[in-house]
Amino acid sequence: MQHIDFELDRDHDHVELNQLLKLVGLCDSGGAGKAIVASGAVAVDGEVELRKTAKIRAGQTVVLDDVEIRVRGV
């Protein structure tokens, strides 16, 4: 499994799930991220997440296929 560490910007306490997928390079746009989330392919902290703009905060883990994204605070 590939691991990606994502640092939240110090001015923000969360990132929307579809934007996170875009920012780490797993899709080309926020719209593509929304489609991936809607398909049921994304899990947050071990649970399938279908809310495209779910707020992902520091300490959470997002998994898509064989990629694990660990969200860190600053």
PDB file of N, CA and C in Angstrom:
ATOM      1  N   MET A   1       0.837  -1.188   0.000  1.00  0.00           N
ATOM      2  CA  MET A   1       0.000   0.000   0.000  1.00  0.00           C
ATOM      3  C   MET A   1       0.881   1.250   0.000  1.00  0.00           C
ATOM      4  N   GLN A   2       0.505   2.206  -0.809  1.00  0.00           N
ATOM      5  CA  GLN A   2       1.223   3.477  -0.877  1.00  0.00           C
ATOM      6  C   GLN A   2       0.687   4.402   0.219  1.00  0.00           C
ATOM      7  N   HIS A   3       1.581   5.120   0.886  1.00  0.00           N
ATOM      8  CA  HIS A   3       1.192   6.049   1.948  1.00  0.00           C
ATOM      9  C   HIS A   3       1.528   7.475   1.535  1.00  0.00           C
ATOM     10  N   ILE A   4       0.587   8.374   1.744  1.00  0.00           N
ATOM     11  CA  ILE A   4       0.776   9.795   1.467  1.00  0.00           C
ATOM     12  C   ILE A   4       0.458  10.559   2.744  1.00  0.00           C
ATOM     13  N   ASP A   5       1.355  11.435   3.157  1.00  0.00           N
ATOM     14  CA  ASP A   5       1.081  12.320   4.283  1.00  0.00           C
ATOM     15  C   ASP A   5       0.661  13.669   3.719  1.00  0.00           C
ATOM     16  N   PHE A   6      -0.490  14.155   4.142  1.00  0.00           N
ATOM     17  CA  PHE A   6      -1.021  15.442   3.687  1.00  0.00           C
ATOM     18  C   PHE A   6      -1.080  16.402   4.860  1.00  0.00           C
ATOM     19  N   GLU A   7      -0.409  17.536   4.730  1.00  0.00           N
ATOM     20  CA  GLU A   7      -0.408  18.565   5.788  1.00  0.00           C
ATOM     21  C   GLU A   7      -1.495  19.588   5.512  1.00  0.00           C
ATOM     22  N   LEU A   8      -2.365  19.774   6.492  1.00  0.00           N
ATOM     23  CA  LEU A   8      -3.364  20.838   6.384  1.00  0.00           C
ATOM     24  C   LEU A   8      -2.667  22.189   6.457  1.00  0.00           C
ATOM     25  N   ASP A   9      -3.169  23.142   5.725  1.00  0.00           N
ATOM     26  CA  ASP A   9      -2.694  24.518   5.795  1.00  0.00           C
ATOM     27  C   ASP A   9      -2.995  25.049   7.192  1.00  0.00           C
ATOM     28  N   ARG A  10      -2.098  25.825   7.762  1.00  0.00           N
ATOM     29  CA  ARG A  10      -2.299  26.306   9.139  1.00  0.00           C
ATOM     30  C   ARG A  10      -3.530  27.191   9.293  1.00  0.00           C
ATOM     31  N   ASP A  11      -4.031  27.723   8.184  1.00  0.00           N
ATOM     32  CA  ASP A  11      -5.209  28.587   8.249  1.00  0.00           C
ATOM     33  C   ASP A  11      -6.525  27.808   8.166  1.00  0.00           C
ATOM     34  N   HIS A  12      -6.440  26.500   7.975  1.00  0.00           N
ATOM     35  CA  HIS A  12      -7.649  25.684   7.812  1.00  0.00           C
ATOM     36  C   HIS A  12      -7.624  24.479   8.744  1.00  0.00           C
ATOM     37  N   ASP A  13      -8.790  24.151   9.293  1.00  0.00           N
ATOM     38  CA  ASP A  13      -8.845  22.994  10.191  1.00  0.00           C
ATOM     39  C   ASP A  13      -9.357  21.743   9.484  1.00  0.00           C
ATOM     40  N   HIS A  14      -9.717  21.882   8.185  1.00  0.00           N
ATOM     41  CA  HIS A  14     -10.192  20.722   7.439  1.00  0.00           C
ATOM     42  C   HIS A  14      -9.971  20.938   5.940  1.00  0.00           C
ATOM     43  N   VAL A  15     -10.136  19.838   5.187  1.00  0.00           N
ATOM     44  CA  VAL A  15     -10.137  19.901   3.730  1.00  0.00           C
ATOM     45  C   VAL A  15     -11.306  19.036   3.274  1.00  0.00           C
ATOM     46  N   GLU A  16     -12.006  19.460   2.234  1.00  0.00           N
ATOM     47  CA  GLU A  16     -13.122  18.663   1.723  1.00  0.00           C
ATOM     48  C   GLU A  16     -12.570  17.423   1.040  1.00  0.00           C
ATOM     49  N   LEU A  17     -13.272  16.315   1.195  1.00  0.00           N
ATOM     50  CA  LEU A  17     -12.787  15.034   0.701  1.00  0.00           C
ATOM     51  C   LEU A  17     -12.473  15.045  -0.790  1.00  0.00           C
ATOM     52  N   ASN A  18     -13.382  15.589  -1.606  1.00  0.00           N
ATOM     53  CA  ASN A  18     -13.126  15.609  -3.050  1.00  0.00           C
ATOM     54  C   ASN A  18     -11.894  16.442  -3.383  1.00  0.00           C
ATOM     55  N   GLN A  19     -11.664  17.524  -2.649  1.00  0.00           N
ATOM     56  CA  GLN A  19     -10.487  18.368  -2.882  1.00  0.00           C
ATOM     57  C   GLN A  19      -9.209  17.678  -2.427  1.00  0.00           C
ATOM     58  N   LEU A  20      -9.287  16.908  -1.350  1.00  0.00           N
ATOM     59  CA  LEU A  20      -8.121  16.165  -0.876  1.00  0.00           C
ATOM     60  C   LEU A  20      -7.636  15.200  -1.954  1.00  0.00           C
ATOM     61  N   LEU A  21      -8.566  14.492  -2.580  1.00  0.00           N
ATOM     62  CA  LEU A  21      -8.179  13.548  -3.636  1.00  0.00           C
ATOM     63  C   LEU A  21      -7.477  14.265  -4.778  1.00  0.00           C
ATOM     64  N   LYS A  22      -7.956  15.468  -5.103  1.00  0.00           N
ATOM     65  CA  LYS A  22      -7.324  16.270  -6.153  1.00  0.00           C
ATOM     66  C   LYS A  22      -5.952  16.761  -5.709  1.00  0.00           C
ATOM     67  N   LEU A  23      -5.854  17.278  -4.492  1.00  0.00           N
ATOM     68  CA  LEU A  23      -4.602  17.865  -4.012  1.00  0.00           C
ATOM     69  C   LEU A  23      -3.462  16.854  -3.900  1.00  0.00           C
ATOM     70  N   VAL A  24      -3.778  15.593  -3.618  1.00  0.00           N
ATOM     71  CA  VAL A  24      -2.720  14.575  -3.522  1.00  0.00           C
ATOM     72  C   VAL A  24      -2.462  13.889  -4.864  1.00  0.00           C
ATOM     73  N   GLY A  25      -3.196  14.297  -5.901  1.00  0.00           N
ATOM     74  CA  GLY A  25      -2.926  13.789  -7.246  1.00  0.00           C
ATOM     75  C   GLY A  25      -3.636  12.499  -7.614  1.00  0.00           C
ATOM     76  N   LEU A  26      -4.684  12.129  -6.871  1.00  0.00           N
ATOM     77  CA  LEU A  26      -5.401  10.894  -7.197  1.00  0.00           C
ATOM     78  C   LEU A  26      -6.491  11.110  -8.243  1.00  0.00           C
ATOM     79  N   CYS A  27      -6.794  12.372  -8.559  1.00  0.00           N
ATOM     80  CA  CYS A  27      -7.714  12.703  -9.643  1.00  0.00           C
ATOM     81  C   CYS A  27      -7.339  14.087 -10.175  1.00  0.00           C
ATOM     82  N   ASP A  28      -7.901  14.434 -11.324  1.00  0.00           N
ATOM     83  CA  ASP A  28      -7.513  15.678 -11.995  1.00  0.00           C
ATOM     84  C   ASP A  28      -8.304  16.906 -11.562  1.00  0.00           C
ATOM     85  N   SER A  29      -9.484  16.690 -10.974  1.00  0.00           N
ATOM     86  CA  SER A  29     -10.318  17.841 -10.614  1.00  0.00           C
ATOM     87  C   SER A  29     -11.198  17.503  -9.421  1.00  0.00           C
ATOM     88  N   GLY A  30     -11.767  18.543  -8.835  1.00  0.00           N
ATOM     89  CA  GLY A  30     -12.702  18.336  -7.736  1.00  0.00           C
ATOM     90  C   GLY A  30     -13.926  17.557  -8.192  1.00  0.00           C
ATOM     91  N   GLY A  31     -14.352  17.793  -9.439  1.00  0.00           N
ATOM     92  CA  GLY A  31     -15.497  17.062  -9.995  1.00  0.00           C
ATOM     93  C   GLY A  31     -15.206  15.579 -10.123  1.00  0.00           C
ATOM     94  N   ALA A  32     -13.999  15.253 -10.560  1.00  0.00           N
ATOM     95  CA  ALA A  32     -13.601  13.846 -10.657  1.00  0.00           C
ATOM     96  C   ALA A  32     -13.535  13.241  -9.263  1.00  0.00           C
ATOM     97  N   GLY A  33     -13.077  14.018  -8.289  1.00  0.00           N
ATOM     98  CA  GLY A  33     -13.038  13.558  -6.906  1.00  0.00           C
ATOM     99  C   GLY A  33     -14.426  13.252  -6.392  1.00  0.00           C
ATOM    100  N   LYS A  34     -15.407  14.103  -6.744  1.00  0.00           N
ATOM    101  CA  LYS A  34     -16.787  13.873  -6.322  1.00  0.00           C
ATOM    102  C   LYS A  34     -17.317  12.563  -6.885  1.00  0.00           C
ATOM    103  N   ALA A  35     -16.986  12.284  -8.154  1.00  0.00           N
ATOM    104  CA  ALA A  35     -17.446  11.043  -8.789  1.00  0.00           C
ATOM    105  C   ALA A  35     -16.840   9.816  -8.113  1.00  0.00           C
ATOM    106  N   ILE A  36     -15.569   9.908  -7.751  1.00  0.00           N
ATOM    107  CA  ILE A  36     -14.900   8.789  -7.077  1.00  0.00           C
ATOM    108  C   ILE A  36     -15.545   8.529  -5.724  1.00  0.00           C
ATOM    109  N   VAL A  37     -15.810   9.602  -4.970  1.00  0.00           N
ATOM    110  CA  VAL A  37     -16.437   9.452  -3.657  1.00  0.00           C
ATOM    111  C   VAL A  37     -17.841   8.868  -3.814  1.00  0.00           C
ATOM    112  N   ALA A  38     -18.605   9.373  -4.778  1.00  0.00           N
ATOM    113  CA  ALA A  38     -19.976   8.905  -4.997  1.00  0.00           C
ATOM    114  C   ALA A  38     -20.024   7.427  -5.365  1.00  0.00           C
ATOM    115  N   SER A  39     -18.958   6.917  -5.965  1.00  0.00           N
ATOM    116  CA  SER A  39     -18.924   5.512  -6.379  1.00  0.00           C
ATOM    117  C   SER A  39     -18.762   4.557  -5.197  1.00  0.00           C
ATOM    118  N   GLY A  40     -18.444   5.098  -4.016  1.00  0.00           N
ATOM    119  CA  GLY A  40     -18.270   4.258  -2.840  1.00  0.00           C
ATOM    120  C   GLY A  40     -16.875   3.683  -2.697  1.00  0.00           C
ATOM    121  N   ALA A  41     -15.921   4.229  -3.444  1.00  0.00           N
ATOM    122  CA  ALA A  41     -14.562   3.686  -3.455  1.00  0.00           C
ATOM    123  C   ALA A  41     -13.666   4.250  -2.354  1.00  0.00           C
ATOM    124  N   VAL A  42     -14.150   5.253  -1.609  1.00  0.00           N
ATOM    125  CA  VAL A  42     -13.314   5.937  -0.625  1.00  0.00           C
ATOM    126  C   VAL A  42     -13.765   5.599   0.799  1.00  0.00           C
ATOM    127  N   ALA A  43     -12.798   5.293   1.654  1.00  0.00           N
ATOM    128  CA  ALA A  43     -13.094   5.048   3.068  1.00  0.00           C
ATOM    129  C   ALA A  43     -12.361   6.084   3.915  1.00  0.00           C
ATOM    130  N   VAL A  44     -13.042   6.566   4.943  1.00  0.00           N
ATOM    131  CA  VAL A  44     -12.447   7.496   5.904  1.00  0.00           C
ATOM    132  C   VAL A  44     -12.480   6.801   7.264  1.00  0.00           C
ATOM    133  N   ASP A  45     -11.308   6.637   7.850  1.00  0.00           N
ATOM    134  CA  ASP A  45     -11.183   5.954   9.140  1.00  0.00           C
ATOM    135  C   ASP A  45     -11.885   4.589   9.123  1.00  0.00           C
ATOM    136  N   GLY A  46     -11.746   3.880   7.997  1.00  0.00           N
ATOM    137  CA  GLY A  46     -12.263   2.520   7.897  1.00  0.00           C
ATOM    138  C   GLY A  46     -13.718   2.380   7.494  1.00  0.00           C
ATOM    139  N   GLU A  47     -14.416   3.499   7.305  1.00  0.00           N
ATOM    140  CA  GLU A  47     -15.832   3.474   6.925  1.00  0.00           C
ATOM    141  C   GLU A  47     -16.004   4.101   5.548  1.00  0.00           C
ATOM    142  N   VAL A  48     -16.815   3.476   4.690  1.00  0.00           N
ATOM    143  CA  VAL A  48     -17.087   4.050   3.367  1.00  0.00           C
ATOM    144  C   VAL A  48     -17.720   5.421   3.559  1.00  0.00           C
ATOM    145  N   GLU A  49     -17.209   6.400   2.829  1.00  0.00           N
ATOM    146  CA  GLU A  49     -17.702   7.781   2.927  1.00  0.00           C
ATOM    147  C   GLU A  49     -18.307   8.174   1.586  1.00  0.00           C
ATOM    148  N   LEU A  50     -19.594   8.523   1.584  1.00  0.00           N
ATOM    149  CA  LEU A  50     -20.280   8.902   0.349  1.00  0.00           C
ATOM    150  C   LEU A  50     -20.523  10.405   0.243  1.00  0.00           C
ATOM    151  N   ARG A  51     -20.223  11.156   1.308  1.00  0.00           N
ATOM    152  CA  ARG A  51     -20.400  12.617   1.261  1.00  0.00           C
ATOM    153  C   ARG A  51     -19.194  13.219   0.542  1.00  0.00           C
ATOM    154  N   LYS A  52     -19.444  13.769  -0.618  1.00  0.00           N
ATOM    155  CA  LYS A  52     -18.362  14.265  -1.475  1.00  0.00           C
ATOM    156  C   LYS A  52     -17.548  15.374  -0.822  1.00  0.00           C
ATOM    157  N   THR A  53     -18.211  16.208  -0.025  1.00  0.00           N
ATOM    158  CA  THR A  53     -17.512  17.338   0.592  1.00  0.00           C
ATOM    159  C   THR A  53     -17.352  17.132   2.094  1.00  0.00           C
ATOM    160  N   ALA A  54     -17.267  15.884   2.523  1.00  0.00           N
ATOM    161  CA  ALA A  54     -17.048  15.590   3.940  1.00  0.00           C
ATOM    162  C   ALA A  54     -15.793  16.325   4.409  1.00  0.00           C
ATOM    163  N   LYS A  55     -15.867  16.885   5.613  1.00  0.00           N
ATOM    164  CA  LYS A  55     -14.725  17.624   6.158  1.00  0.00           C
ATOM    165  C   LYS A  55     -13.725  16.639   6.752  1.00  0.00           C
ATOM    166  N   ILE A  56     -12.539  16.613   6.181  1.00  0.00           N
ATOM    167  CA  ILE A  56     -11.481  15.723   6.653  1.00  0.00           C
ATOM    168  C   ILE A  56     -10.529  16.560   7.502  1.00  0.00           C
ATOM    169  N   ARG A  57     -10.316  16.099   8.714  1.00  0.00           N
ATOM    170  CA  ARG A  57      -9.509  16.849   9.681  1.00  0.00           C
ATOM    171  C   ARG A  57      -8.224  16.111  10.026  1.00  0.00           C
ATOM    172  N   ALA A  58      -7.318  16.817  10.673  1.00  0.00           N
ATOM    173  CA  ALA A  58      -6.050  16.224  11.102  1.00  0.00           C
ATOM    174  C   ALA A  58      -6.323  14.983  11.936  1.00  0.00           C
ATOM    175  N   GLY A  59      -5.542  13.941  11.702  1.00  0.00           N
ATOM    176  CA  GLY A  59      -5.685  12.696  12.441  1.00  0.00           C
ATOM    177  C   GLY A  59      -6.516  11.654  11.722  1.00  0.00           C
ATOM    178  N   GLN A  60      -7.210  12.060  10.669  1.00  0.00           N
ATOM    179  CA  GLN A  60      -8.022  11.103   9.930  1.00  0.00           C
ATOM    180  C   GLN A  60      -7.201  10.436   8.828  1.00  0.00           C
ATOM    181  N   THR A  61      -7.671   9.250   8.428  1.00  0.00           N
ATOM    182  CA  THR A  61      -7.009   8.491   7.369  1.00  0.00           C
ATOM    183  C   THR A  61      -8.029   8.210   6.273  1.00  0.00           C
ATOM    184  N   VAL A  62      -7.622   8.465   5.027  1.00  0.00           N
ATOM    185  CA  VAL A  62      -8.476   8.248   3.864  1.00  0.00           C
ATOM    186  C   VAL A  62      -7.826   7.174   3.011  1.00  0.00           C
ATOM    187  N   VAL A  63      -8.625   6.191   2.565  1.00  0.00           N
ATOM    188  CA  VAL A  63      -8.097   5.122   1.725  1.00  0.00           C
ATOM    189  C   VAL A  63      -8.882   5.072   0.419  1.00  0.00           C
ATOM    190  N   LEU A  64      -8.141   5.019  -0.702  1.00  0.00           N
ATOM    191  CA  LEU A  64      -8.711   4.827  -2.034  1.00  0.00           C
ATOM    192  C   LEU A  64      -7.852   3.786  -2.723  1.00  0.00           C
ATOM    193  N   ASP A  65      -8.458   2.663  -3.068  1.00  0.00           N
ATOM    194  CA  ASP A  65      -7.733   1.546  -3.673  1.00  0.00           C
ATOM    195  C   ASP A  65      -6.573   1.144  -2.776  1.00  0.00           C
ATOM    196  N   ASP A  66      -5.344   1.222  -3.274  1.00  0.00           N
ATOM    197  CA  ASP A  66      -4.191   0.819  -2.467  1.00  0.00           C
ATOM    198  C   ASP A  66      -3.392   2.019  -1.975  1.00  0.00           C
ATOM    199  N   VAL A  67      -4.071   3.182  -1.860  1.00  0.00           N
ATOM    200  CA  VAL A  67      -3.418   4.404  -1.407  1.00  0.00           C
ATOM    201  C   VAL A  67      -4.030   4.843  -0.079  1.00  0.00           C
ATOM    202  N   GLU A  68      -3.188   5.076   0.917  1.00  0.00           N
ATOM    203  CA  GLU A  68      -3.640   5.563   2.213  1.00  0.00           C
ATOM    204  C   GLU A  68      -3.113   6.979   2.403  1.00  0.00           C
ATOM    205  N   ILE A  69      -4.033   7.901   2.694  1.00  0.00           N
ATOM    206  CA  ILE A  69      -3.667   9.307   2.910  1.00  0.00           C
ATOM    207  C   ILE A  69      -3.848   9.599   4.389  1.00  0.00           C
ATOM    208  N   ARG A  70      -2.759  10.004   5.044  1.00  0.00           N
ATOM    209  CA  ARG A  70      -2.820  10.385   6.459  1.00  0.00           C
ATOM    210  C   ARG A  70      -2.822  11.902   6.534  1.00  0.00           C
ATOM    211  N   VAL A  71      -3.855  12.460   7.130  1.00  0.00           N
ATOM    212  CA  VAL A  71      -3.993  13.916   7.208  1.00  0.00           C
ATOM    213  C   VAL A  71      -3.368  14.384   8.511  1.00  0.00           C
ATOM    214  N   ARG A  72      -2.464  15.331   8.383  1.00  0.00           N
ATOM    215  CA  ARG A  72      -1.725  15.873   9.528  1.00  0.00           C
ATOM    216  C   ARG A  72      -2.050  17.347   9.713  1.00  0.00           C
ATOM    217  N   GLY A  73      -2.006  17.785  10.955  1.00  0.00           N
ATOM    218  CA  GLY A  73      -2.148  19.210  11.254  1.00  0.00           C
ATOM    219  C   GLY A  73      -0.774  19.855  11.273  1.00  0.00           C
ATOM    220  N   VAL A  74      -0.762  21.163  11.314  1.00  0.00           N
ATOM    221  CA  VAL A  74       0.524  21.865  11.326  1.00  0.00           C
ATOM    222  C   VAL A  74       0.924  22.169  12.747  1.00  0.00           C
TER     223      VAL A  74
END
